[in-house]
Amino acid sequence: MTMWVFGYGSLLWNPGFEYREKVIATLPGWHRSFCMRSIHHRGTEEKPGLVLALDAEDGAHCQGLALLVQEGHEAATLEYLRERELISSAYLEKMLDITLQDGRVVEAVTYVIDPHHVQYCHLEMEEQAQIISTAVGGRGPNTDYLHNTASHLIELGIQDADLDWLSARVRELTM
């Protein structure tokens, strides 16, 4: 069985599983944004942080990484991902077609936001920056999550103007 995973946030810099190939890929119809309140990993129930999720949007696309899971590790990887990503059921696990940089189209395990979940939000960029600059959760400061993701996108040559702006603004707020 061949299993691909699409990473667009922390999976870019902390996949947590063995993979045998990583390729830049594009997912059509979805937009990466800080539209999920984090009450576990990057915030608390009392003071939620924000994490990235894929929000459906006509005409949008999201560039990220396609990770080909190491052969024989598919079941363990899926179990690990479900434990990690489905902690509060704000994400939905979907099998979506992505286009790899070399033109191949493959189906990938992808975690997208449930727009009906209580953790889903749509906030202005400045409000996102204010929240991210102070939130801390079980996996550390929300700022680390933002800056790690933004820097890895840059390293990969993937442009994301919103994350670049947020990263710069949060640095201003935390100086």
Protein backbone atom coordinates (compact mmCIF):
# COMPACT_ATOMS: atom_id res chain seq x y z
CA MET A 1 0.00 0.00 0.00
CA THR A 2 1.32 3.44 -0.90
CA MET A 3 0.40 6.16 1.58
CA TRP A 4 1.03 9.87 1.11
CA VAL A 5 0.48 12.52 3.78
CA PHE A 6 0.00 16.21 2.94
CA GLY A 7 1.74 18.56 5.36
CA TYR A 8 1.09 22.30 5.44
CA GLY A 9 1.84 23.30 9.08
CA SER A 10 3.81 21.48 11.76
CA LEU A 11 4.11 18.38 9.58
CA LEU A 12 6.55 20.43 7.48
CA TRP A 13 9.09 20.61 10.30
CA ASN A 14 7.96 17.89 12.70
CA PRO A 15 6.36 15.01 10.82
CA GLY A 16 6.99 12.49 13.61
CA PHE A 17 7.01 9.48 11.27
CA GLU A 18 9.36 7.77 8.83
CA TYR A 19 8.98 8.76 5.19
CA ARG A 20 10.90 7.72 2.11
CA GLU A 21 10.17 10.67 -0.14
CA LYS A 22 9.17 14.29 0.33
CA VAL A 23 7.97 16.43 -2.54
CA ILE A 24 6.49 19.91 -2.75
CA ALA A 25 2.82 19.52 -3.62
CA THR A 26 -0.28 21.61 -4.26
CA LEU A 27 -3.75 20.99 -2.88
CA PRO A 28 -6.49 22.76 -4.87
CA GLY A 29 -9.61 24.21 -3.25
CA TRP A 30 -8.09 24.79 0.19
CA HIS A 31 -6.37 27.71 1.91
CA ARG A 32 -3.86 27.46 4.80
CA SER A 33 -4.84 29.81 7.66
CA PHE A 34 -4.81 30.22 11.42
CA CYS A 35 -8.49 29.33 11.64
CA MET A 36 -8.37 26.82 14.49
CA ARG A 37 -8.26 27.73 18.17
CA SER A 38 -5.71 25.54 19.93
CA ILE A 39 -6.71 24.44 23.42
CA HIS A 40 -4.13 21.65 23.78
CA HIS A 41 -0.89 22.04 21.84
CA ARG A 42 -0.43 25.84 21.49
CA GLY A 43 -2.92 27.23 24.00
CA THR A 44 -5.29 26.24 26.77
CA GLU A 45 -9.04 26.22 27.20
CA GLU A 46 -8.70 29.39 29.29
CA LYS A 47 -6.36 31.11 26.81
CA PRO A 48 -6.55 29.44 23.39
CA GLY A 49 -3.80 29.84 20.85
CA LEU A 50 -4.15 29.43 17.10
CA VAL A 51 -2.91 26.73 14.77
CA LEU A 52 -3.05 26.29 11.05
CA ALA A 53 -5.79 24.40 9.32
CA LEU A 54 -7.00 24.02 5.77
CA ASP A 55 -10.15 26.00 5.10
CA ALA A 56 -12.15 25.22 1.95
CA GLU A 57 -12.18 28.11 -0.53
CA ASP A 58 -13.17 28.14 -4.20
CA GLY A 59 -10.21 28.96 -6.43
CA ALA A 60 -7.68 28.67 -3.61
CA HIS A 61 -4.72 26.34 -3.42
CA CYS A 62 -2.24 25.42 -0.73
CA GLN A 63 1.35 24.46 -1.31
CA GLY A 64 2.96 22.14 1.18
CA LEU A 65 4.83 18.85 1.38
CA ALA A 66 3.73 15.43 0.26
CA LEU A 67 5.38 12.81 2.45
CA LEU A 68 5.48 9.21 1.20
CA VAL A 69 5.24 6.99 4.25
CA GLN A 70 7.95 4.35 4.67
CA GLU A 71 6.75 1.03 3.27
CA GLY A 72 5.36 -1.21 5.99
CA HIS A 73 4.74 1.73 8.37
CA GLU A 74 1.40 2.85 6.96
CA ALA A 75 -0.84 1.53 9.77
CA ALA A 76 1.44 2.81 12.54
CA THR A 77 1.74 6.20 10.83
CA LEU A 78 -2.01 6.54 10.45
CA GLU A 79 -2.50 5.62 14.11
CA TYR A 80 0.14 8.19 15.13
CA LEU A 81 -1.40 10.91 12.95
CA ARG A 82 -4.89 10.28 14.28
CA GLU A 83 -3.66 10.51 17.86
CA ARG A 84 -1.82 13.73 17.07
CA GLU A 85 -4.24 15.51 14.75
CA LEU A 86 -7.66 14.34 15.92
CA ILE A 87 -7.15 15.21 19.59
CA SER A 88 -10.22 17.47 19.73
CA SER A 89 -12.07 16.47 16.53
CA ALA A 90 -11.65 19.97 15.06
CA TYR A 91 -9.80 18.42 12.14
CA LEU A 92 -11.41 16.07 9.67
CA GLU A 93 -9.29 13.37 8.06
CA LYS A 94 -9.76 13.31 4.30
CA MET A 95 -8.17 11.56 1.35
CA LEU A 96 -7.61 14.35 -1.16
CA ASP A 97 -5.87 14.55 -4.53
CA ILE A 98 -2.71 16.60 -4.51
CA THR A 99 -0.41 17.45 -7.41
CA LEU A 100 3.27 16.76 -6.81
CA GLN A 101 5.87 19.16 -8.15
CA ASP A 102 6.76 16.68 -10.92
CA GLY A 103 3.13 16.59 -12.12
CA ARG A 104 2.04 13.30 -10.56
CA VAL A 105 -1.39 13.39 -8.93
CA VAL A 106 -1.67 11.26 -5.79
CA GLU A 107 -4.20 10.81 -3.04
CA ALA A 108 -2.97 11.94 0.38
CA VAL A 109 -4.14 11.78 3.96
CA THR A 110 -4.96 15.41 4.72
CA TYR A 111 -6.28 17.08 7.85
CA VAL A 112 -8.74 19.93 7.22
CA ILE A 113 -10.81 22.08 9.58
CA ASP A 114 -14.38 21.17 10.45
CA PRO A 115 -16.09 24.54 9.84
CA HIS A 116 -18.88 23.55 12.23
CA HIS A 117 -16.55 22.80 15.15
CA VAL A 118 -16.43 25.21 18.11
CA GLN A 119 -12.64 25.67 17.62
CA TYR A 120 -13.10 27.02 14.08
CA CYS A 121 -12.64 30.78 13.81
CA HIS A 122 -12.14 33.54 11.26
CA LEU A 123 -10.06 36.38 12.73
CA GLU A 124 -8.43 39.47 11.29
CA MET A 125 -4.65 39.21 10.89
CA GLU A 126 -3.89 41.65 13.72
CA GLU A 127 -6.07 39.69 16.14
CA GLN A 128 -4.28 36.50 15.08
CA ALA A 129 -0.93 38.15 15.81
CA GLN A 130 -2.09 39.32 19.24
CA ILE A 131 -3.24 35.81 20.19
CA ILE A 132 -0.19 34.00 18.81
CA SER A 133 2.21 36.39 20.54
CA THR A 134 1.04 35.37 24.04
CA ALA A 135 -0.48 31.86 23.87
CA VAL A 136 1.32 28.82 25.29
CA GLY A 137 0.13 25.21 25.30
CA GLY A 138 1.31 21.68 25.99
CA ARG A 139 3.77 21.74 23.08
CA GLY A 140 5.12 25.18 23.87
CA PRO A 141 4.66 28.78 22.79
CA ASN A 142 2.37 29.58 19.90
CA THR A 143 5.16 31.81 18.55
CA ASP A 144 7.42 28.77 18.03
CA TYR A 145 4.74 27.07 15.93
CA LEU A 146 4.29 30.17 13.75
CA HIS A 147 8.00 30.93 13.28
CA ASN A 148 8.95 27.28 12.61
CA THR A 149 6.25 26.95 9.98
CA ALA A 150 7.03 30.30 8.31
CA SER A 151 10.77 29.60 8.19
CA HIS A 152 10.32 26.11 6.77
CA LEU A 153 8.01 27.42 4.05
CA ILE A 154 10.73 29.91 3.10
CA GLU A 155 13.38 27.14 3.08
CA LEU A 156 11.16 25.11 0.76
CA GLY A 157 10.64 28.09 -1.56
CA ILE A 158 6.92 28.23 -0.78
CA GLN A 159 5.52 31.74 -0.58
CA ASP A 160 2.82 32.49 1.97
CA ALA A 161 2.31 36.23 2.39
CA ASP A 162 -0.03 35.82 5.37
CA LEU A 163 2.45 33.75 7.36
CA ASP A 164 5.31 36.09 6.45
CA TRP A 165 3.27 39.07 7.69
CA LEU A 166 2.19 37.27 10.86
CA SER A 167 5.72 36.14 11.66
CA ALA A 168 7.07 39.68 11.28
CA ARG A 169 4.20 41.20 13.28
CA VAL A 170 4.53 38.67 16.11
CA ARG A 171 8.28 39.40 16.31
CA GLU A 172 7.41 43.10 16.74
CA LEU A 173 4.90 42.28 19.49
CA THR A 174 7.29 40.04 21.41
CA MET A 175 10.39 42.26 21.34
